[in-house]
Amino acid sequence: MTKAERIKSAIQETRERRANLRPAVFELKLQNLSRKKEELLSRAFLEAKWLYNWLVSDLGRLNLPANKVDAVEVKVGDSFEERRLVLLGSQIKQEIADRLKDNLRALKKLKERGYRVGPLKPKRFVHSIPLKQYGVTYSLDFARNRARIQKLGNFRVLGLHQIPRGVEIAGAVLVRKPSGYYLHVTCYLAKGDSPEPIAEAVGIDFGIESKLTLSNGIKIDFEVHETPRLKRLQRRLARAKRGSKRRGKIRFLLRREYEKLNNRRKDAENKVLAFLKLYGKVVFQDDLLASWARLFGRQVHSSRIGGLKLRLRNSLKAPIPVRRFEPTTKECYACGKRHELPLSQRIIACSCGWECDRDVNAALVILRKGLGLSPDQALGLDRPEVTPLEKEAAARILGSNPSIRVSFLQ
């Protein structure tokens, strides 16, 4: 068996083994970095940028073996100078070239679908370096909380306790953020038994005052606004002279503040999604939330509600979207009659005797239409009741984030 055949066979065995496993990514932070380590990491990201831009400037170079490239030409002013690649291993170089090929394939698919695409351009910064093979490009020492990266040395890491013992560790990505350097490690875990859903199905109505209204009467509101420190830094940046060192320092502080803000918003989004995953089926209307930003830009951007809707579609086991133009808010859940309701009227009262909060009514209509039921068939859905199991799950998952406010319909 040739070397190529052995590699092909090993890849096939890995795919078959991982078919019954689930991937998970764990974030480890590189801690207690000395000045020398900081310089090494900064140089590694600089070399990754040099190599990527060298390949982008002439795509014919992708036919060359990237693992054997030891020096590249870098534009300095109006001339080109040679730079040596001393901190990038062979597999890292090859993976950077493979990333570029993946980008080209993605652009080709977009072009085939009718999108306008342009050529790839050189990057000003590269903020991630792929570490392809565990045990070669990097390794982990669980006993000493250390990570070894090829040609960069050993680093103390924070968060190694998150990775369960005995799991299959795959590749990783070395990431540079304003708050420091991180290692994103991909592991394959055994698929556990799915927990029993706390309810069979739930309908969701998106809104502005209450971001989510569930058909069982739970209202969830979450917003993380810009901090006063962020606004002060923005004013200082506007007054700083372009090209000055002071402006560069302010931009770094601004990026770090934005990172903290995005982390808080993402945490709220993750917790809301984790709560909704406890339901068997989740029905929601495919609203065009981008159009809401014209009138309610601050509330929409502060809550990441658009990203939450996208993750509902892509992450849930049984998402059921309802068509965008289906009437839900103005329709009576009990009989299907339509009413003209101004925004100031928060209660819908129908001649059939149905009276309900308009947001809960909309969530019930969405649930009924998502399940394909007529008003006569939707027996029992008109009695929304929050069970003790749902209250316990809401307190356990959503209560840990102070930006999330939960209320229950009485």
Protein backbone atom coordinates (compact mmCIF):
# COMPACT_ATOMS: atom_id res chain seq x y z
CA MET A 1 0.00 0.00 0.00
CA THR A 2 1.41 3.38 -1.04
CA LYS A 3 1.57 6.40 1.24
CA ALA A 4 -1.33 8.08 -0.58
CA GLU A 5 -3.47 4.95 -0.16
CA ARG A 6 -2.65 4.75 3.55
CA ILE A 7 -3.64 8.40 4.03
CA LYS A 8 -6.88 7.86 2.11
CA SER A 9 -7.71 4.78 4.17
CA ALA A 10 -6.98 6.58 7.46
CA ILE A 11 -9.22 9.51 6.46
CA GLN A 12 -12.06 7.13 5.60
CA GLU A 13 -11.72 5.32 8.94
CA THR A 14 -11.78 8.66 10.78
CA ARG A 15 -14.96 9.73 8.98
CA GLU A 16 -16.71 6.47 9.80
CA ARG A 17 -15.66 6.67 13.45
CA ARG A 18 -16.79 10.27 13.85
CA ALA A 19 -20.15 9.64 12.19
CA ASN A 20 -21.50 8.51 15.57
CA LEU A 21 -19.88 11.35 17.52
CA ARG A 22 -20.84 14.99 17.95
CA PRO A 23 -18.32 17.82 17.54
CA ALA A 24 -17.78 20.45 20.22
CA VAL A 25 -15.40 23.41 20.33
CA PHE A 26 -13.72 24.48 23.58
CA GLU A 27 -12.04 27.86 24.03
CA LEU A 28 -8.75 27.96 25.95
CA LYS A 29 -6.99 31.21 26.78
CA LEU A 30 -3.21 31.51 26.67
CA GLN A 31 -2.24 32.89 30.07
CA ASN A 32 0.77 34.64 31.66
CA LEU A 33 2.49 35.52 28.39
CA SER A 34 5.97 36.98 28.66
CA ARG A 35 7.15 39.70 26.32
CA LYS A 36 9.09 37.13 24.30
CA LYS A 37 6.01 34.93 23.91
CA GLU A 38 3.94 37.94 22.87
CA GLU A 39 6.52 38.78 20.20
CA LEU A 40 6.59 35.18 18.96
CA LEU A 41 2.81 35.03 18.61
CA SER A 42 2.67 38.43 16.92
CA ARG A 43 5.38 37.33 14.47
CA ALA A 44 3.50 34.09 13.71
CA PHE A 45 0.35 36.00 12.75
CA LEU A 46 2.45 38.39 10.67
CA GLU A 47 4.01 35.48 8.78
CA ALA A 48 0.55 33.98 8.22
CA LYS A 49 -0.54 37.28 6.66
CA TRP A 50 2.57 37.39 4.47
CA LEU A 51 1.95 33.86 3.17
CA TYR A 52 -1.77 34.42 2.54
CA ASN A 53 -1.21 37.69 0.68
CA TRP A 54 1.65 36.13 -1.33
CA LEU A 55 -0.72 33.39 -2.50
CA VAL A 56 -3.59 35.82 -3.19
CA SER A 57 -1.39 38.08 -5.33
CA ASP A 58 -0.82 35.19 -7.77
CA LEU A 59 -3.33 32.33 -7.55
CA GLY A 60 -1.09 30.21 -9.76
CA ARG A 61 1.11 29.75 -6.70
CA LEU A 62 -1.56 27.48 -5.25
CA ASN A 63 -0.19 24.77 -7.55
CA LEU A 64 3.12 24.92 -5.68
CA PRO A 65 3.64 22.77 -2.54
CA ALA A 66 2.86 25.34 0.16
CA ASN A 67 4.60 23.27 2.82
CA LYS A 68 7.95 23.88 1.11
CA VAL A 69 7.63 27.68 0.86
CA ASP A 70 10.33 29.15 3.12
CA ALA A 71 10.35 32.78 1.94
CA VAL A 72 7.84 35.15 0.33
CA GLU A 73 7.95 38.59 -1.23
CA VAL A 74 6.32 41.40 0.73
CA LYS A 75 5.51 44.83 -0.66
CA VAL A 76 7.24 47.59 1.30
CA GLY A 77 6.41 51.00 -0.11
CA ASP A 78 6.96 50.83 -3.87
CA SER A 79 9.33 47.87 -3.80
CA PHE A 80 9.27 44.21 -2.77
CA GLU A 81 11.42 42.63 -0.09
CA GLU A 82 11.93 38.99 0.83
CA ARG A 83 10.69 37.75 4.19
CA ARG A 84 11.60 34.40 5.76
CA LEU A 85 8.88 32.17 7.25
CA VAL A 86 10.51 30.80 10.40
CA LEU A 87 7.54 30.22 12.75
CA LEU A 88 5.05 28.46 10.46
CA GLY A 89 5.24 24.68 10.26
CA SER A 90 4.66 22.69 7.07
CA GLN A 91 1.10 21.65 7.96
CA ILE A 92 0.18 25.20 8.97
CA LYS A 93 1.40 26.53 5.61
CA GLN A 94 -0.56 23.85 3.77
CA GLU A 95 -3.71 24.61 5.76
CA ILE A 96 -3.44 28.34 4.97
CA ALA A 97 -3.30 27.44 1.27
CA ASP A 98 -6.28 25.09 1.71
CA ARG A 99 -8.24 27.93 3.35
CA LEU A 100 -7.64 30.06 0.28
CA LYS A 101 -8.85 27.24 -1.98
CA ASP A 102 -11.99 26.90 0.15
CA ASN A 103 -12.63 30.64 -0.23
CA LEU A 104 -12.31 30.35 -4.01
CA ARG A 105 -14.73 27.41 -4.11
CA ALA A 106 -17.24 29.37 -2.01
CA LEU A 107 -17.01 32.35 -4.39
CA LYS A 108 -17.54 30.03 -7.35
CA LYS A 109 -20.72 28.62 -5.81
CA LEU A 110 -22.04 32.12 -5.11
CA LYS A 111 -21.33 33.14 -8.70
CA GLU A 112 -23.17 30.09 -10.02
CA ARG A 113 -26.18 31.11 -7.94
CA GLY A 114 -26.25 34.55 -9.55
CA TYR A 115 -24.43 36.65 -6.94
CA ARG A 116 -21.92 39.28 -7.96
CA VAL A 117 -18.50 38.36 -6.62
CA GLY A 118 -15.15 40.06 -6.90
CA PRO A 119 -11.59 38.80 -6.65
CA LEU A 120 -9.98 37.96 -3.33
CA LYS A 121 -7.87 40.80 -2.00
CA PRO A 122 -4.86 40.88 0.34
CA LYS A 123 -5.64 41.18 4.04
CA ARG A 124 -4.43 43.88 6.39
CA PHE A 125 -4.65 41.50 9.34
CA VAL A 126 -4.88 37.75 9.87
CA HIS A 127 -6.45 36.86 13.21
CA SER A 128 -6.49 33.04 13.10
CA ILE A 129 -3.95 30.32 12.34
CA PRO A 130 -5.14 26.73 11.72
CA LEU A 131 -3.47 23.94 13.68
CA LYS A 132 -4.47 20.90 11.68
CA GLN A 133 -3.27 17.81 13.52
CA TYR A 134 -3.35 17.11 17.24
CA GLY A 135 -0.04 15.77 18.45
CA VAL A 136 1.92 17.35 15.59
CA THR A 137 1.02 21.02 15.19
CA TYR A 138 -0.14 21.26 18.81
CA SER A 139 -0.66 19.12 21.90
CA LEU A 140 -2.26 19.48 25.34
CA ASP A 141 -0.87 18.58 28.77
CA PHE A 142 -3.86 18.14 31.09
CA ALA A 143 -1.73 17.47 34.17
CA ARG A 144 0.15 20.78 33.95
CA ASN A 145 -2.46 22.92 32.14
CA ARG A 146 -0.12 23.49 29.23
CA ALA A 147 -0.44 23.63 25.46
CA ARG A 148 2.47 23.13 23.08
CA ILE A 149 2.29 24.81 19.67
CA GLN A 150 4.71 23.82 16.94
CA LYS A 151 7.68 26.22 16.68
CA LEU A 152 6.13 28.54 19.30
CA GLY A 153 6.74 26.54 22.47
CA ASN A 154 4.71 25.79 25.58
CA PHE A 155 1.97 28.03 26.97
CA ARG A 156 -0.05 27.99 30.16
CA VAL A 157 -3.75 27.77 29.24
CA LEU A 158 -6.93 28.57 31.13
CA GLY A 159 -10.03 26.41 30.61
CA LEU A 160 -8.49 23.00 30.00
CA HIS A 161 -10.83 21.49 32.60
CA GLN A 162 -13.74 21.97 30.17
CA ILE A 163 -12.53 19.13 27.93
CA PRO A 164 -13.75 15.74 29.22
CA ARG A 165 -11.14 13.03 29.57
CA GLY A 166 -11.08 10.30 26.97
CA VAL A 167 -12.61 12.31 24.13
CA GLU A 168 -11.17 12.39 20.63
CA ILE A 169 -9.27 15.65 20.11
CA ALA A 170 -9.06 16.93 16.54
CA GLY A 171 -7.71 20.16 15.06
CA ALA A 172 -7.55 23.60 16.63
CA VAL A 173 -7.33 27.25 15.65
CA LEU A 174 -5.02 29.80 17.23
CA VAL A 175 -7.07 33.01 17.48
CA ARG A 176 -5.98 36.56 18.23
CA LYS A 177 -8.55 38.83 19.89
CA PRO A 178 -8.27 42.27 21.51
CA SER A 179 -8.41 40.57 24.91
CA GLY A 180 -5.57 38.14 24.16
CA TYR A 181 -4.71 34.89 22.39
CA TYR A 182 -7.00 31.87 22.43
CA LEU A 183 -6.92 28.26 21.31
CA HIS A 184 -10.19 26.90 19.89
CA VAL A 185 -9.96 23.11 20.22
CA THR A 186 -12.35 20.82 18.35
CA CYS A 187 -13.28 17.58 20.14
CA TYR A 188 -15.61 14.72 19.29
CA LEU A 189 -17.87 13.56 22.11
CA ALA A 190 -20.19 10.60 22.40
CA LYS A 191 -23.78 11.37 21.51
CA GLY A 192 -25.79 11.29 24.71
CA ASP A 193 -29.48 10.56 24.99
CA SER A 194 -31.61 13.62 24.24
CA PRO A 195 -33.51 14.86 27.32
CA GLU A 196 -37.27 14.61 27.37
CA PRO A 197 -38.86 17.82 26.03
CA ILE A 198 -40.58 19.97 28.64
CA ALA A 199 -43.48 20.46 26.20
CA GLU A 200 -44.46 19.03 22.84
CA ALA A 201 -44.60 22.28 20.85
CA VAL A 202 -44.43 26.03 21.36
CA GLY A 203 -45.13 29.03 19.15
CA ILE A 204 -43.00 32.19 19.16
CA ASP A 205 -44.01 35.73 18.27
CA PHE A 206 -41.12 38.17 17.76
CA GLY A 207 -41.58 41.73 18.98
CA ILE A 208 -39.88 44.91 20.14
CA GLU A 209 -41.10 45.47 23.70
CA SER A 210 -40.99 41.73 24.48
CA LYS A 211 -38.48 40.19 22.12
CA LEU A 212 -40.08 36.75 22.37
CA THR A 213 -43.61 35.87 23.39
CA LEU A 214 -44.31 32.15 23.70
CA SER A 215 -47.69 30.56 23.18
CA ASN A 216 -47.70 29.32 26.79
CA GLY A 217 -47.60 32.91 28.12
CA ILE A 218 -43.86 33.31 28.79
CA LYS A 219 -42.44 36.67 27.67
CA ILE A 220 -38.68 37.03 27.25
CA ASP A 221 -36.97 40.39 26.82
CA PHE A 222 -33.21 40.79 26.45
CA GLU A 223 -31.10 43.79 25.47
CA VAL A 224 -27.45 44.65 26.05
CA HIS A 225 -26.85 48.32 25.30
CA GLU A 226 -23.60 50.10 24.59
CA THR A 227 -21.69 51.02 27.74
CA PRO A 228 -20.78 54.62 28.69
CA ARG A 229 -17.10 53.65 28.38
CA LEU A 230 -17.67 52.64 24.75
CA LYS A 231 -19.27 55.98 23.96
CA ARG A 232 -16.39 57.86 25.63
CA LEU A 233 -13.85 55.91 23.57
CA GLN A 234 -15.77 56.70 20.39
CA ARG A 235 -15.62 60.43 21.20
CA ARG A 236 -11.89 60.21 21.97
CA LEU A 237 -11.29 58.39 18.67
CA ALA A 238 -13.12 61.12 16.73
CA ARG A 239 -10.79 63.75 18.22
CA ALA A 240 -7.55 61.79 17.77
CA LYS A 241 -5.21 62.62 14.91
CA ARG A 242 -5.13 60.07 12.11
CA GLY A 243 -1.96 57.99 12.03
CA SER A 244 -0.93 58.90 15.58
CA LYS A 245 0.05 56.38 18.26
CA ARG A 246 -2.71 57.72 20.49
CA ARG A 247 -5.31 56.89 17.84
CA GLY A 248 -3.92 53.36 17.55
CA LYS A 249 -4.18 52.83 21.32
CA ILE A 250 -7.75 54.13 21.38
CA ARG A 251 -8.71 51.82 18.51
CA PHE A 252 -7.29 48.86 20.43
CA LEU A 253 -9.28 49.80 23.56
CA LEU A 254 -12.36 50.25 21.39
CA ARG A 255 -11.98 46.79 19.84
CA ARG A 256 -11.60 45.26 23.29
CA GLU A 257 -14.74 47.02 24.54
CA TYR A 258 -16.69 45.84 21.49
CA GLU A 259 -15.50 42.30 22.16
CA LYS A 260 -16.88 42.44 25.72
CA LEU A 261 -20.17 43.84 24.44
CA ASN A 262 -20.52 41.14 21.78
CA ASN A 263 -19.69 38.44 24.34
CA ARG A 264 -22.51 39.64 26.61
CA ARG A 265 -24.98 39.76 23.74
CA LYS A 266 -23.94 36.33 22.52
CA ASP A 267 -24.30 34.91 26.03
CA ALA A 268 -27.90 36.13 26.21
CA GLU A 269 -28.60 34.71 22.76
CA ASN A 270 -27.08 31.33 23.70
CA LYS A 271 -29.15 31.07 26.88
CA VAL A 272 -32.42 31.88 25.11
CA LEU A 273 -31.61 29.31 22.41
CA ALA A 274 -30.72 26.69 25.05
CA PHE A 275 -34.11 27.24 26.70
CA LEU A 276 -36.02 26.91 23.40
CA LYS A 277 -34.16 23.68 22.59
CA LEU A 278 -36.01 22.05 25.50
CA TYR A 279 -39.23 22.04 23.46
CA GLY A 280 -40.05 19.25 21.04
CA LYS A 281 -41.14 21.56 18.19
CA VAL A 282 -40.61 25.30 17.86
CA VAL A 283 -42.87 27.25 15.50
CA PHE A 284 -41.99 30.83 14.52
CA GLN A 285 -42.86 33.27 11.76
CA ASP A 286 -40.20 34.05 9.17
CA ASP A 287 -40.33 37.82 9.75
CA LEU A 288 -38.00 40.18 7.88
CA LEU A 289 -36.35 41.53 11.02
CA ALA A 290 -33.88 43.65 9.04
CA SER A 291 -36.74 45.99 8.09
CA TRP A 292 -37.47 46.57 11.79
CA ALA A 293 -34.09 48.26 12.19
CA ARG A 294 -35.31 51.30 10.23
CA LEU A 295 -37.70 52.20 13.04
CA PHE A 296 -36.31 50.31 16.04
CA GLY A 297 -32.60 50.09 15.22
CA ARG A 298 -31.26 50.33 18.77
CA GLN A 299 -33.59 47.68 20.21
CA VAL A 300 -32.97 45.29 17.30
CA HIS A 301 -29.18 45.60 17.35
CA SER A 302 -28.94 45.45 21.14
CA SER A 303 -30.76 42.12 21.27
CA ARG A 304 -29.31 40.27 18.23
CA ILE A 305 -32.84 39.03 17.60
CA GLY A 306 -32.06 38.52 13.91
CA GLY A 307 -29.16 36.22 14.74
CA LEU A 308 -31.39 34.32 17.16
CA LYS A 309 -33.98 33.72 14.43
CA LEU A 310 -31.26 32.40 12.10
CA ARG A 311 -29.97 30.04 14.77
CA LEU A 312 -33.51 28.83 15.47
CA ARG A 313 -33.72 27.76 11.84
CA ASN A 314 -30.26 26.15 11.75
CA SER A 315 -29.78 24.72 15.25
CA LEU A 316 -33.09 23.21 16.34
CA LYS A 317 -34.02 19.61 15.63
CA ALA A 318 -37.57 20.44 14.52
CA PRO A 319 -37.94 24.13 13.55
CA ILE A 320 -41.23 24.97 11.82
CA PRO A 321 -41.20 28.39 10.12
CA VAL A 322 -44.49 30.02 9.14
CA ARG A 323 -44.60 32.09 5.97
CA ARG A 324 -43.72 35.76 6.36
CA PHE A 325 -46.97 37.20 5.00
CA GLU A 326 -49.34 34.98 6.98
CA PRO A 327 -51.65 37.20 9.10
CA THR A 328 -51.07 36.34 12.74
CA THR A 329 -51.37 39.46 14.92
CA LYS A 330 -54.77 40.57 13.63
CA GLU A 331 -56.33 37.11 13.48
CA CYS A 332 -58.45 35.68 16.26
CA TYR A 333 -57.02 32.40 17.42
CA ALA A 334 -60.38 30.85 18.33
CA CYS A 335 -62.43 31.56 15.18
CA GLY A 336 -59.98 32.93 12.62
CA LYS A 337 -61.73 36.30 12.21
CA ARG A 338 -59.46 39.23 11.35
CA HIS A 339 -59.47 42.47 13.31
CA GLU A 340 -57.91 45.86 12.65
CA LEU A 341 -55.85 46.49 15.79
CA PRO A 342 -53.85 49.69 16.39
CA LEU A 343 -50.49 49.24 18.07
CA SER A 344 -51.82 50.90 21.23
CA GLN A 345 -54.43 48.15 21.70
CA ARG A 346 -52.68 45.31 23.54
CA ILE A 347 -55.74 43.10 24.07
CA ILE A 348 -57.64 41.37 21.30
CA ALA A 349 -61.36 40.89 22.03
CA CYS A 350 -63.41 38.98 19.47
CA SER A 351 -67.18 38.66 19.11
CA CYS A 352 -66.81 34.89 19.55
CA GLY A 353 -65.85 35.50 23.19
CA TRP A 354 -62.09 35.08 22.81
CA GLU A 355 -60.07 37.68 24.76
CA CYS A 356 -56.30 37.50 25.05
CA ASP A 357 -53.06 39.48 25.06
CA ARG A 358 -52.34 40.30 21.42
CA ASP A 359 -48.77 38.93 21.52
CA VAL A 360 -49.85 35.64 23.11
CA ASN A 361 -52.71 35.44 20.60
CA ALA A 362 -50.22 35.91 17.75
CA ALA A 363 -47.98 33.17 19.18
CA LEU A 364 -50.98 30.83 19.43
CA VAL A 365 -51.97 31.58 15.83
CA ILE A 366 -48.39 30.90 14.71
CA LEU A 367 -48.40 27.60 16.62
CA ARG A 368 -51.74 26.56 15.11
CA LYS A 369 -50.69 27.41 11.55
CA GLY A 370 -47.29 25.79 11.96
CA LEU A 371 -48.94 22.55 13.08
CA GLY A 372 -51.38 22.78 10.16
CA LEU A 373 -54.52 22.95 12.31
CA SER A 374 -57.75 24.83 11.71
CA PRO A 375 -59.43 26.78 14.56
CA ASP A 376 -61.80 23.85 15.14
CA GLN A 377 -58.95 21.33 15.34
CA ALA A 378 -56.74 23.30 17.76
CA LEU A 379 -58.32 21.87 20.88
CA GLY A 380 -56.45 22.49 24.10
CA LEU A 381 -53.93 24.93 22.63
CA ASP A 382 -56.09 27.84 23.76
CA ARG A 383 -55.30 27.08 27.40
CA PRO A 384 -51.70 28.21 27.75
CA GLU A 385 -50.28 27.24 31.08
CA VAL A 386 -46.68 27.44 32.24
CA THR A 387 -45.81 24.16 33.90
CA PRO A 388 -43.52 23.94 36.95
CA LEU A 389 -40.96 22.22 34.72
CA GLU A 390 -40.91 25.23 32.37
CA LYS A 391 -40.60 27.67 35.28
CA GLU A 392 -37.68 25.69 36.70
CA ALA A 393 -35.93 25.57 33.32
CA ALA A 394 -36.47 29.31 32.75
CA ALA A 395 -35.03 30.15 36.18
CA ARG A 396 -32.08 27.79 35.75
CA ILE A 397 -31.08 28.79 32.21
CA LEU A 398 -32.30 32.37 31.78
CA GLY A 399 -32.03 33.57 35.37
CA SER A 400 -28.22 33.50 35.37
CA ASN A 401 -28.02 36.42 32.91
CA PRO A 402 -29.04 39.84 34.31
CA SER A 403 -29.77 41.14 30.80
CA ILE A 404 -32.62 38.65 30.32
CA ARG A 405 -36.02 39.50 31.81
CA VAL A 406 -38.72 36.83 31.97
CA SER A 407 -42.39 37.33 32.82
CA PHE A 408 -45.27 34.87 33.05
CA LEU A 409 -48.79 35.63 31.90
CA GLN A 410 -51.23 35.46 34.79
